[in-house]
Amino acid sequence: MKISEFCWEDIAPVFAILATEKNGAWTYEQLEHSLKLENVICYVAKNDDKVLGFVLLEETPYDFDILEIVVDENLRGRGIGTMLLKRVFDYAKLTHKEKATLEVASDNMPAISLYEKAGFSQIAERKNYYKNGKNALIFQKQFI
């Protein structure tokens, strides 16, 4: 498995993985638009040419938001999310980012565990944030 920068041939499998998220509300057009923005970065985990997962970042000069980190639901628990986060942290170090922020559904315990193991801490909560009434937890990791 390798982590590489997004290329346009990856958009269909990335969207297919994204569409499996129960709290997600992205359309194909929104994903495509986001990927064209200069301040949006996407890293893709692949085995040969098969997309296993991805992470989508929106950056500012000093920090970034992790908009999505999604692994194929049949491949979760195998370290792919951890490898994607490692690539994000390498990028943060290279570009001297101060912090990363993300949100996660309050009932997504596997993701929360992944983020906590990676050094993220909960800093806020958004009540009834998702369409299904679930709360969103805001996590942040400081690099500096």
C-alpha atoms as a PDB file:
ATOM      1  CA  MET A   1       0.000   0.000   0.000  1.00  0.00           C
ATOM      2  CA  LYS A   2       1.146   3.532  -0.694  1.00  0.00           C
ATOM      3  CA  ILE A   3      -0.125   7.017   0.043  1.00  0.00           C
ATOM      4  CA  SER A   4      -0.009   9.369  -2.934  1.00  0.00           C
ATOM      5  CA  GLU A   5      -1.402  12.709  -3.976  1.00  0.00           C
ATOM      6  CA  PHE A   6      -4.833  12.679  -5.560  1.00  0.00           C
ATOM      7  CA  CYS A   7      -5.023  12.390  -9.348  1.00  0.00           C
ATOM      8  CA  TRP A   8      -8.185  12.872 -11.377  1.00  0.00           C
ATOM      9  CA  GLU A   9      -8.465   9.156 -12.193  1.00  0.00           C
ATOM     10  CA  ASP A  10      -9.132   8.681  -8.459  1.00  0.00           C
ATOM     11  CA  ILE A  11     -12.279  10.828  -8.292  1.00  0.00           C
ATOM     12  CA  ALA A  12     -14.836   8.062  -8.968  1.00  0.00           C
ATOM     13  CA  PRO A  13     -13.439   5.586  -6.396  1.00  0.00           C
ATOM     14  CA  VAL A  14     -12.903   8.399  -3.864  1.00  0.00           C
ATOM     15  CA  PHE A  15     -16.524   9.475  -4.287  1.00  0.00           C
ATOM     16  CA  ALA A  16     -17.723   5.865  -4.033  1.00  0.00           C
ATOM     17  CA  ILE A  17     -15.971   5.539  -0.654  1.00  0.00           C
ATOM     18  CA  LEU A  18     -17.229   8.961   0.457  1.00  0.00           C
ATOM     19  CA  ALA A  19     -20.809   8.045  -0.475  1.00  0.00           C
ATOM     20  CA  THR A  20     -20.776   5.194   2.068  1.00  0.00           C
ATOM     21  CA  GLU A  21     -20.485   7.621   4.988  1.00  0.00           C
ATOM     22  CA  LYS A  22     -23.772   7.741   6.890  1.00  0.00           C
ATOM     23  CA  ASN A  23     -23.281  11.354   8.033  1.00  0.00           C
ATOM     24  CA  GLY A  24     -21.841  12.555   4.736  1.00  0.00           C
ATOM     25  CA  ALA A  25     -23.732  14.866   2.458  1.00  0.00           C
ATOM     26  CA  TRP A  26     -21.249  15.457  -0.367  1.00  0.00           C
ATOM     27  CA  THR A  27     -22.398  15.381  -3.959  1.00  0.00           C
ATOM     28  CA  TYR A  28     -20.049  14.381  -6.752  1.00  0.00           C
ATOM     29  CA  GLU A  29     -20.113  17.983  -7.972  1.00  0.00           C
ATOM     30  CA  GLN A  30     -19.141  19.333  -4.529  1.00  0.00           C
ATOM     31  CA  LEU A  31     -16.239  16.915  -4.312  1.00  0.00           C
ATOM     32  CA  GLU A  32     -15.072  17.806  -7.799  1.00  0.00           C
ATOM     33  CA  HIS A  33     -15.326  21.540  -7.055  1.00  0.00           C
ATOM     34  CA  SER A  34     -13.391  21.177  -3.799  1.00  0.00           C
ATOM     35  CA  LEU A  35     -10.608  19.202  -5.438  1.00  0.00           C
ATOM     36  CA  LYS A  36     -10.084  22.033  -7.930  1.00  0.00           C
ATOM     37  CA  LEU A  37      -9.465  24.623  -5.195  1.00  0.00           C
ATOM     38  CA  GLU A  38      -5.847  25.668  -4.649  1.00  0.00           C
ATOM     39  CA  ASN A  39      -6.089  25.328  -0.872  1.00  0.00           C
ATOM     40  CA  VAL A  40      -7.538  21.797  -0.909  1.00  0.00           C
ATOM     41  CA  ILE A  41      -5.229  18.795  -0.784  1.00  0.00           C
ATOM     42  CA  CYS A  42      -6.166  15.141  -1.066  1.00  0.00           C
ATOM     43  CA  TYR A  43      -4.025  12.098  -0.294  1.00  0.00           C
ATOM     44  CA  VAL A  44      -5.147   8.662  -1.425  1.00  0.00           C
ATOM     45  CA  ALA A  45      -4.241   5.254   0.002  1.00  0.00           C
ATOM     46  CA  LYS A  46      -3.872   2.701  -2.796  1.00  0.00           C
ATOM     47  CA  ASN A  47      -2.970  -0.906  -3.223  1.00  0.00           C
ATOM     48  CA  ASP A  48      -1.840  -1.187  -6.834  1.00  0.00           C
ATOM     49  CA  ASP A  49      -4.531   0.934  -8.523  1.00  0.00           C
ATOM     50  CA  LYS A  50      -7.333   0.239  -6.027  1.00  0.00           C
ATOM     51  CA  VAL A  51      -8.284   3.183  -3.814  1.00  0.00           C
ATOM     52  CA  LEU A  52      -8.552   2.028  -0.198  1.00  0.00           C
ATOM     53  CA  GLY A  53      -9.201   5.390   1.468  1.00  0.00           C
ATOM     54  CA  PHE A  54      -8.417   9.080   1.350  1.00  0.00           C
ATOM     55  CA  VAL A  55      -7.996  12.240   3.378  1.00  0.00           C
ATOM     56  CA  LEU A  56      -9.165  15.669   2.216  1.00  0.00           C
ATOM     57  CA  LEU A  57      -7.593  18.811   3.713  1.00  0.00           C
ATOM     58  CA  GLU A  58      -8.432  22.494   3.431  1.00  0.00           C
ATOM     59  CA  GLU A  59      -5.454  24.621   4.393  1.00  0.00           C
ATOM     60  CA  THR A  60      -4.720  28.171   5.460  1.00  0.00           C
ATOM     61  CA  PRO A  61      -1.224  29.601   5.876  1.00  0.00           C
ATOM     62  CA  TYR A  62      -1.029  28.407   9.515  1.00  0.00           C
ATOM     63  CA  ASP A  63      -3.330  25.412   9.876  1.00  0.00           C
ATOM     64  CA  PHE A  64      -5.764  23.127   8.116  1.00  0.00           C
ATOM     65  CA  ASP A  65      -9.083  21.385   8.524  1.00  0.00           C
ATOM     66  CA  ILE A  66      -9.378  17.704   7.805  1.00  0.00           C
ATOM     67  CA  LEU A  67     -12.620  17.792   5.842  1.00  0.00           C
ATOM     68  CA  GLU A  68     -12.863  14.034   5.392  1.00  0.00           C
ATOM     69  CA  ILE A  69     -10.846  10.965   6.193  1.00  0.00           C
ATOM     70  CA  VAL A  70     -12.590   7.852   4.958  1.00  0.00           C
ATOM     71  CA  VAL A  71     -11.449   4.270   4.485  1.00  0.00           C
ATOM     72  CA  ASP A  72     -13.377   1.674   2.486  1.00  0.00           C
ATOM     73  CA  GLU A  73     -15.785   0.215   5.046  1.00  0.00           C
ATOM     74  CA  ASN A  74     -14.594  -3.337   4.279  1.00  0.00           C
ATOM     75  CA  LEU A  75     -10.977  -2.394   5.052  1.00  0.00           C
ATOM     76  CA  ARG A  76     -11.318  -0.464   8.291  1.00  0.00           C
ATOM     77  CA  GLY A  77      -9.231  -1.463  11.290  1.00  0.00           C
ATOM     78  CA  ARG A  78      -6.173  -2.326   9.184  1.00  0.00           C
ATOM     79  CA  GLY A  79      -4.122   0.817   9.807  1.00  0.00           C
ATOM     80  CA  ILE A  80      -5.050   2.667   6.622  1.00  0.00           C
ATOM     81  CA  GLY A  81      -6.512   5.637   8.522  1.00  0.00           C
ATOM     82  CA  THR A  82      -3.381   5.791  10.668  1.00  0.00           C
ATOM     83  CA  MET A  83      -1.184   5.856   7.560  1.00  0.00           C
ATOM     84  CA  LEU A  84      -3.289   8.632   6.037  1.00  0.00           C
ATOM     85  CA  LEU A  85      -2.964  10.675   9.232  1.00  0.00           C
ATOM     86  CA  LYS A  86       0.795  10.087   9.256  1.00  0.00           C
ATOM     87  CA  ARG A  87       0.962  11.565   5.746  1.00  0.00           C
ATOM     88  CA  VAL A  88      -1.056  14.560   6.965  1.00  0.00           C
ATOM     89  CA  PHE A  89       1.334  15.039   9.895  1.00  0.00           C
ATOM     90  CA  ASP A  90       4.341  14.828   7.553  1.00  0.00           C
ATOM     91  CA  TYR A  91       2.736  17.521   5.416  1.00  0.00           C
ATOM     92  CA  ALA A  92       2.060  19.670   8.492  1.00  0.00           C
ATOM     93  CA  LYS A  93       5.706  19.434   9.515  1.00  0.00           C
ATOM     94  CA  LEU A  94       6.943  20.197   6.001  1.00  0.00           C
ATOM     95  CA  THR A  95       4.707  23.271   5.685  1.00  0.00           C
ATOM     96  CA  HIS A  96       5.092  24.445   9.315  1.00  0.00           C
ATOM     97  CA  LYS A  97       1.398  24.212  10.178  1.00  0.00           C
ATOM     98  CA  GLU A  98       0.435  25.034  13.753  1.00  0.00           C
ATOM     99  CA  LYS A  99      -2.653  22.839  14.121  1.00  0.00           C
ATOM    100  CA  ALA A 100      -5.195  20.587  12.473  1.00  0.00           C
ATOM    101  CA  THR A 101      -8.916  20.539  13.218  1.00  0.00           C
ATOM    102  CA  LEU A 102     -11.609  18.012  12.334  1.00  0.00           C
ATOM    103  CA  GLU A 103     -15.135  17.079  13.271  1.00  0.00           C
ATOM    104  CA  VAL A 104     -16.562  13.639  13.887  1.00  0.00           C
ATOM    105  CA  ALA A 105     -19.987  12.274  14.762  1.00  0.00           C
ATOM    106  CA  SER A 106     -20.281  11.684  18.501  1.00  0.00           C
ATOM    107  CA  ASP A 107     -21.226   8.029  17.944  1.00  0.00           C
ATOM    108  CA  ASN A 108     -18.309   7.221  15.617  1.00  0.00           C
ATOM    109  CA  MET A 109     -16.211   5.509  18.270  1.00  0.00           C
ATOM    110  CA  PRO A 110     -13.668   3.879  15.908  1.00  0.00           C
ATOM    111  CA  ALA A 111     -12.840   7.281  14.381  1.00  0.00           C
ATOM    112  CA  ILE A 112     -12.719   8.996  17.770  1.00  0.00           C
ATOM    113  CA  SER A 113     -10.307   6.317  19.001  1.00  0.00           C
ATOM    114  CA  LEU A 114      -8.116   6.800  15.911  1.00  0.00           C
ATOM    115  CA  TYR A 115      -7.980  10.569  16.422  1.00  0.00           C
ATOM    116  CA  GLU A 116      -7.211  10.322  20.133  1.00  0.00           C
ATOM    117  CA  LYS A 117      -4.416   7.789  19.490  1.00  0.00           C
ATOM    118  CA  ALA A 118      -3.020  10.230  16.895  1.00  0.00           C
ATOM    119  CA  GLY A 119      -2.866  13.036  19.480  1.00  0.00           C
ATOM    120  CA  PHE A 120      -6.087  14.932  18.774  1.00  0.00           C
ATOM    121  CA  SER A 121      -8.086  16.338  21.698  1.00  0.00           C
ATOM    122  CA  GLN A 122     -11.743  17.303  21.783  1.00  0.00           C
ATOM    123  CA  ILE A 123     -12.152  21.084  21.972  1.00  0.00           C
ATOM    124  CA  ALA A 124     -15.884  21.591  21.303  1.00  0.00           C
ATOM    125  CA  GLU A 125     -19.216  19.963  20.512  1.00  0.00           C
ATOM    126  CA  ARG A 126     -21.938  20.996  18.052  1.00  0.00           C
ATOM    127  CA  LYS A 127     -25.341  19.800  19.233  1.00  0.00           C
ATOM    128  CA  ASN A 128     -27.691  18.228  16.656  1.00  0.00           C
ATOM    129  CA  TYR A 129     -25.191  19.035  13.897  1.00  0.00           C
ATOM    130  CA  TYR A 130     -25.953  16.193  11.518  1.00  0.00           C
ATOM    131  CA  LYS A 131     -29.243  15.616   9.688  1.00  0.00           C
ATOM    132  CA  ASN A 132     -29.856  12.522  11.827  1.00  0.00           C
ATOM    133  CA  GLY A 133     -29.658  14.639  15.010  1.00  0.00           C
ATOM    134  CA  LYS A 134     -26.231  13.381  16.066  1.00  0.00           C
ATOM    135  CA  ASN A 135     -23.781  15.784  17.683  1.00  0.00           C
ATOM    136  CA  ALA A 136     -20.461  16.667  16.070  1.00  0.00           C
ATOM    137  CA  LEU A 137     -17.336  16.622  18.183  1.00  0.00           C
ATOM    138  CA  ILE A 138     -14.566  19.046  17.216  1.00  0.00           C
ATOM    139  CA  PHE A 139     -11.044  17.718  17.646  1.00  0.00           C
ATOM    140  CA  GLN A 140      -7.749  19.532  17.276  1.00  0.00           C
ATOM    141  CA  LYS A 141      -4.078  18.615  17.213  1.00  0.00           C
ATOM    142  CA  GLN A 142      -1.323  21.134  17.873  1.00  0.00           C
ATOM    143  CA  PHE A 143       1.933  20.771  15.945  1.00  0.00           C
ATOM    144  CA  ILE A 144       3.811  23.713  17.479  1.00  0.00           C
END
